[in-house]
């Protein structure tokens, strides 16, 4: 069931014009959907988490070209 939700989320994000997704997730689960370590795209997360759990995926070809830096979360995430 989880894989259906992930694939639907990718499709919907792409329909809405998003080129990529970043997430904090299980290092052995998300790579099967094409996620790679975010550090490979020069993307960092604003908290201390193992790099193998910080991931990103390009929804379009070269969707992360020119993208780098720190992921920005809403302040509510940290409350």
Protein backbone atom coordinates (compact mmCIF):
# COMPACT_ATOMS: atom_id res chain seq x y z
CA UNK A 1 0.00 0.00 0.00
CA UNK A 2 2.84 2.40 0.83
CA UNK A 3 4.35 2.09 -2.64
CA UNK A 4 1.02 3.06 -4.24
CA UNK A 5 0.90 6.22 -2.10
CA UNK A 6 4.47 7.16 -2.94
CA UNK A 7 3.93 6.69 -6.67
CA UNK A 8 0.72 8.73 -6.49
CA UNK A 9 2.53 11.48 -4.56
CA UNK A 10 5.25 11.59 -7.23
CA UNK A 11 2.65 11.82 -9.99
CA UNK A 12 0.67 14.52 -8.21
CA UNK A 13 3.77 16.57 -7.34
CA UNK A 14 4.83 16.40 -10.97
CA UNK A 15 1.36 17.50 -12.13
CA UNK A 16 1.61 20.48 -9.76
CA UNK A 17 4.91 21.49 -11.37
CA UNK A 18 7.38 20.24 -8.80
CA UNK A 19 10.69 18.98 -10.17
CA UNK A 20 11.88 17.14 -7.07
CA UNK A 21 11.06 15.89 -3.61
CA UNK A 22 13.24 15.73 -0.49
CA UNK A 23 12.49 13.57 2.50
CA UNK A 24 13.81 12.05 5.68
CA UNK A 25 13.15 8.35 5.48
CA UNK A 26 14.33 4.78 5.86
CA UNK A 27 17.61 4.22 4.03
CA UNK A 28 16.54 0.84 2.66
CA UNK A 29 12.96 1.67 1.67
CA UNK A 30 13.00 4.85 -0.41
CA UNK A 31 15.89 4.07 -2.79
CA UNK A 32 13.65 1.50 -4.52
CA UNK A 33 11.59 4.46 -5.78
CA UNK A 34 14.65 6.30 -7.09
CA UNK A 35 15.61 8.35 -4.03
CA UNK A 36 19.29 9.10 -3.54
CA UNK A 37 21.18 10.64 -0.67
CA UNK A 38 20.49 14.38 -0.73
CA UNK A 39 24.15 15.12 -0.10
CA UNK A 40 24.83 13.87 -3.66
CA UNK A 41 22.81 16.87 -4.85
CA UNK A 42 24.56 19.18 -2.35
CA UNK A 43 21.36 19.41 -0.32
CA UNK A 44 21.52 19.55 3.48
CA UNK A 45 18.87 19.19 6.16
CA UNK A 46 18.50 21.67 9.07
CA UNK A 47 18.88 19.02 11.76
CA UNK A 48 21.30 16.31 12.71
CA UNK A 49 20.25 13.14 10.87
CA UNK A 50 22.29 10.39 9.23
CA UNK A 51 23.04 11.31 5.61
CA UNK A 52 21.74 7.94 4.41
CA UNK A 53 18.27 8.92 5.68
CA UNK A 54 18.21 12.36 4.04
CA UNK A 55 17.11 11.78 0.46
CA UNK A 56 15.95 13.46 -2.71
CA UNK A 57 14.47 12.42 -6.03
CA UNK A 58 14.25 14.21 -9.34
CA UNK A 59 10.72 14.02 -10.72
CA UNK A 60 11.83 15.48 -14.03
CA UNK A 61 15.04 15.01 -15.96
CA UNK A 62 17.73 17.11 -14.27
CA UNK A 63 15.09 18.33 -11.82
CA UNK A 64 17.72 19.22 -9.24
CA UNK A 65 20.21 20.92 -11.57
CA UNK A 66 21.32 24.14 -9.97
CA UNK A 67 19.54 23.30 -6.71
CA UNK A 68 21.63 23.10 -3.54
CA UNK A 69 21.71 24.32 0.00
CA UNK A 70 19.67 23.87 3.14
CA UNK A 71 16.13 22.46 3.12
CA UNK A 72 13.76 24.97 4.70
CA UNK A 73 11.01 23.65 6.97
CA UNK A 74 8.13 25.63 8.47
CA UNK A 75 8.74 26.60 12.10
CA UNK A 76 5.87 24.32 13.16
CA UNK A 77 7.96 21.30 12.18
CA UNK A 78 10.34 22.03 15.04
CA UNK A 79 7.68 22.65 17.73
